[in-house]
């Protein structure tokens, strides 16, 4: 069973969707478009976590363990639980014991629990 990412992000962040579309170009300038599959609108969330050193280490360990390839559960506050993967993150040291981990989560629709 997949792990759950349990840290709560700072308020804010960003959320975007880029629809996957298949396109067939026909004569006379006509174009036919259709969504690419049943899950053609995955969401991307850019989030930050202002945490202490121990939590920053734990977040980074979690992300490294999944290596950008394995998905995990994450529930954004106010949204439904969904499957995500993360292959990009940054860690910023603001002061002793005060750190920020910035992540980019990409929604996935892989089968299984």
C-alpha atoms as a PDB file:
ATOM      1  CA  UNK A   1       0.000   0.000   0.000  1.00  0.00           C
ATOM      2  CA  UNK A   2       1.215   3.487  -0.837  1.00  0.00           C
ATOM      3  CA  UNK A   3       2.385   5.913   1.812  1.00  0.00           C
ATOM      4  CA  UNK A   4       0.635   9.155   2.685  1.00  0.00           C
ATOM      5  CA  UNK A   5       2.394  12.527   2.695  1.00  0.00           C
ATOM      6  CA  UNK A   6       1.193  13.954   5.994  1.00  0.00           C
ATOM      7  CA  UNK A   7       2.733  17.425   6.261  1.00  0.00           C
ATOM      8  CA  UNK A   8       0.476  20.468   5.897  1.00  0.00           C
ATOM      9  CA  UNK A   9       1.647  23.176   3.465  1.00  0.00           C
ATOM     10  CA  UNK A  10       1.723  26.890   4.131  1.00  0.00           C
ATOM     11  CA  UNK A  11      -1.377  28.767   3.074  1.00  0.00           C
ATOM     12  CA  UNK A  12      -1.195  29.743  -0.573  1.00  0.00           C
ATOM     13  CA  UNK A  13       0.810  27.942  -3.181  1.00  0.00           C
ATOM     14  CA  UNK A  14      -0.415  27.501  -6.715  1.00  0.00           C
ATOM     15  CA  UNK A  15      -2.496  25.003  -8.611  1.00  0.00           C
ATOM     16  CA  UNK A  16      -2.606  24.570 -12.363  1.00  0.00           C
ATOM     17  CA  UNK A  17      -4.068  22.206 -14.931  1.00  0.00           C
ATOM     18  CA  UNK A  18      -2.786  21.478 -18.428  1.00  0.00           C
ATOM     19  CA  UNK A  19      -5.244  19.338 -20.357  1.00  0.00           C
ATOM     20  CA  UNK A  20      -3.815  16.543 -22.487  1.00  0.00           C
ATOM     21  CA  UNK A  21      -5.428  16.750 -25.921  1.00  0.00           C
ATOM     22  CA  UNK A  22      -4.998  14.703 -29.079  1.00  0.00           C
ATOM     23  CA  UNK A  23      -5.243  16.691 -32.272  1.00  0.00           C
ATOM     24  CA  UNK A  24      -5.822  15.664 -35.903  1.00  0.00           C
ATOM     25  CA  UNK A  25      -5.164  18.341 -38.510  1.00  0.00           C
ATOM     26  CA  UNK A  26      -7.461  17.988 -41.477  1.00  0.00           C
ATOM     27  CA  UNK A  27      -7.517  19.761 -44.816  1.00  0.00           C
ATOM     28  CA  UNK A  28      -8.837  23.287 -45.163  1.00  0.00           C
ATOM     29  CA  UNK A  29      -7.569  24.378 -41.758  1.00  0.00           C
ATOM     30  CA  UNK A  30      -9.941  22.132 -39.805  1.00  0.00           C
ATOM     31  CA  UNK A  31      -8.676  20.552 -36.597  1.00  0.00           C
ATOM     32  CA  UNK A  32     -10.344  17.798 -34.616  1.00  0.00           C
ATOM     33  CA  UNK A  33      -9.523  17.608 -30.891  1.00  0.00           C
ATOM     34  CA  UNK A  34     -10.353  15.070 -28.211  1.00  0.00           C
ATOM     35  CA  UNK A  35      -9.252  14.631 -24.594  1.00  0.00           C
ATOM     36  CA  UNK A  36      -6.407  12.132 -24.195  1.00  0.00           C
ATOM     37  CA  UNK A  37      -8.020   9.432 -22.053  1.00  0.00           C
ATOM     38  CA  UNK A  38     -10.401   9.515 -19.116  1.00  0.00           C
ATOM     39  CA  UNK A  39      -7.979  11.433 -16.871  1.00  0.00           C
ATOM     40  CA  UNK A  40      -6.917  14.129 -19.302  1.00  0.00           C
ATOM     41  CA  UNK A  41      -6.729  17.018 -16.822  1.00  0.00           C
ATOM     42  CA  UNK A  42      -4.080  16.294 -14.176  1.00  0.00           C
ATOM     43  CA  UNK A  43      -3.401  19.007 -11.623  1.00  0.00           C
ATOM     44  CA  UNK A  44       0.015  20.402 -10.621  1.00  0.00           C
ATOM     45  CA  UNK A  45       0.453  21.978  -7.181  1.00  0.00           C
ATOM     46  CA  UNK A  46       3.440  24.084  -6.132  1.00  0.00           C
ATOM     47  CA  UNK A  47       3.576  24.138  -2.339  1.00  0.00           C
ATOM     48  CA  UNK A  48       5.890  25.247   0.448  1.00  0.00           C
ATOM     49  CA  UNK A  49       6.392  23.776   3.888  1.00  0.00           C
ATOM     50  CA  UNK A  50       7.932  26.021   6.561  1.00  0.00           C
ATOM     51  CA  UNK A  51       9.263  23.532   9.081  1.00  0.00           C
ATOM     52  CA  UNK A  52      12.079  22.815  11.470  1.00  0.00           C
ATOM     53  CA  UNK A  53      15.172  20.846  10.518  1.00  0.00           C
ATOM     54  CA  UNK A  54      13.787  17.474  11.658  1.00  0.00           C
ATOM     55  CA  UNK A  55      10.625  17.849   9.550  1.00  0.00           C
ATOM     56  CA  UNK A  56      12.612  19.136   6.561  1.00  0.00           C
ATOM     57  CA  UNK A  57      14.832  16.046   6.821  1.00  0.00           C
ATOM     58  CA  UNK A  58      11.735  13.820   7.043  1.00  0.00           C
ATOM     59  CA  UNK A  59      10.071  15.457   4.012  1.00  0.00           C
ATOM     60  CA  UNK A  60      13.243  15.161   1.961  1.00  0.00           C
ATOM     61  CA  UNK A  61      13.685  11.533   3.017  1.00  0.00           C
ATOM     62  CA  UNK A  62      10.082  10.783   2.019  1.00  0.00           C
ATOM     63  CA  UNK A  63      10.550  12.371  -1.419  1.00  0.00           C
ATOM     64  CA  UNK A  64      13.899  10.663  -2.008  1.00  0.00           C
ATOM     65  CA  UNK A  65      12.386   7.301  -1.044  1.00  0.00           C
ATOM     66  CA  UNK A  66       9.752   7.760  -3.763  1.00  0.00           C
ATOM     67  CA  UNK A  67      12.364   9.005  -6.226  1.00  0.00           C
ATOM     68  CA  UNK A  68       9.909  10.873  -8.449  1.00  0.00           C
ATOM     69  CA  UNK A  69       8.617   7.560  -9.796  1.00  0.00           C
ATOM     70  CA  UNK A  70       6.394   6.138  -7.055  1.00  0.00           C
ATOM     71  CA  UNK A  71       3.140   7.876  -6.217  1.00  0.00           C
ATOM     72  CA  UNK A  72       1.844   8.695  -2.743  1.00  0.00           C
ATOM     73  CA  UNK A  73      -1.396   9.913  -1.182  1.00  0.00           C
ATOM     74  CA  UNK A  74      -1.758  13.590  -0.340  1.00  0.00           C
ATOM     75  CA  UNK A  75      -4.784  15.586   0.783  1.00  0.00           C
ATOM     76  CA  UNK A  76      -4.582  19.290   0.052  1.00  0.00           C
ATOM     77  CA  UNK A  77      -6.570  21.206   2.700  1.00  0.00           C
ATOM     78  CA  UNK A  78     -10.169  21.452   1.509  1.00  0.00           C
ATOM     79  CA  UNK A  79      -9.685  19.012  -1.388  1.00  0.00           C
ATOM     80  CA  UNK A  80     -10.188  15.276  -1.826  1.00  0.00           C
ATOM     81  CA  UNK A  81      -7.354  12.821  -1.233  1.00  0.00           C
ATOM     82  CA  UNK A  82      -5.511  12.089  -4.483  1.00  0.00           C
ATOM     83  CA  UNK A  83      -2.439  10.309  -5.849  1.00  0.00           C
ATOM     84  CA  UNK A  84       0.633  12.462  -6.478  1.00  0.00           C
ATOM     85  CA  UNK A  85       4.281  12.154  -7.390  1.00  0.00           C
ATOM     86  CA  UNK A  86       7.105  14.619  -6.901  1.00  0.00           C
ATOM     87  CA  UNK A  87      10.313  14.721  -8.919  1.00  0.00           C
ATOM     88  CA  UNK A  88      11.332  18.283  -8.043  1.00  0.00           C
ATOM     89  CA  UNK A  89      11.867  19.989  -4.703  1.00  0.00           C
ATOM     90  CA  UNK A  90      14.091  22.639  -3.123  1.00  0.00           C
ATOM     91  CA  UNK A  91      15.233  23.202   0.419  1.00  0.00           C
ATOM     92  CA  UNK A  92      16.020  26.667   1.761  1.00  0.00           C
ATOM     93  CA  UNK A  93      17.750  27.369   5.059  1.00  0.00           C
ATOM     94  CA  UNK A  94      16.450  30.595   6.585  1.00  0.00           C
ATOM     95  CA  UNK A  95      17.956  30.361  10.069  1.00  0.00           C
ATOM     96  CA  UNK A  96      19.065  27.729  12.535  1.00  0.00           C
ATOM     97  CA  UNK A  97      16.190  25.253  12.738  1.00  0.00           C
ATOM     98  CA  UNK A  98      14.010  27.298  10.361  1.00  0.00           C
ATOM     99  CA  UNK A  99      13.771  25.821   6.873  1.00  0.00           C
ATOM    100  CA  UNK A 100      11.470  25.835   3.856  1.00  0.00           C
ATOM    101  CA  UNK A 101      10.887  22.895   1.554  1.00  0.00           C
ATOM    102  CA  UNK A 102       9.285  23.840  -1.781  1.00  0.00           C
ATOM    103  CA  UNK A 103       7.753  21.031  -3.833  1.00  0.00           C
ATOM    104  CA  UNK A 104       6.009  20.501  -7.146  1.00  0.00           C
ATOM    105  CA  UNK A 105       3.376  17.762  -6.904  1.00  0.00           C
ATOM    106  CA  UNK A 106       1.955  16.251 -10.096  1.00  0.00           C
ATOM    107  CA  UNK A 107      -1.335  14.376  -9.908  1.00  0.00           C
ATOM    108  CA  UNK A 108      -1.273  10.817 -11.248  1.00  0.00           C
ATOM    109  CA  UNK A 109      -4.024   8.323 -11.950  1.00  0.00           C
ATOM    110  CA  UNK A 110      -2.132   5.051 -11.517  1.00  0.00           C
ATOM    111  CA  UNK A 111      -4.198   1.995 -10.592  1.00  0.00           C
ATOM    112  CA  UNK A 112      -4.162   0.473  -7.125  1.00  0.00           C
ATOM    113  CA  UNK A 113      -4.396   1.603  -3.579  1.00  0.00           C
END
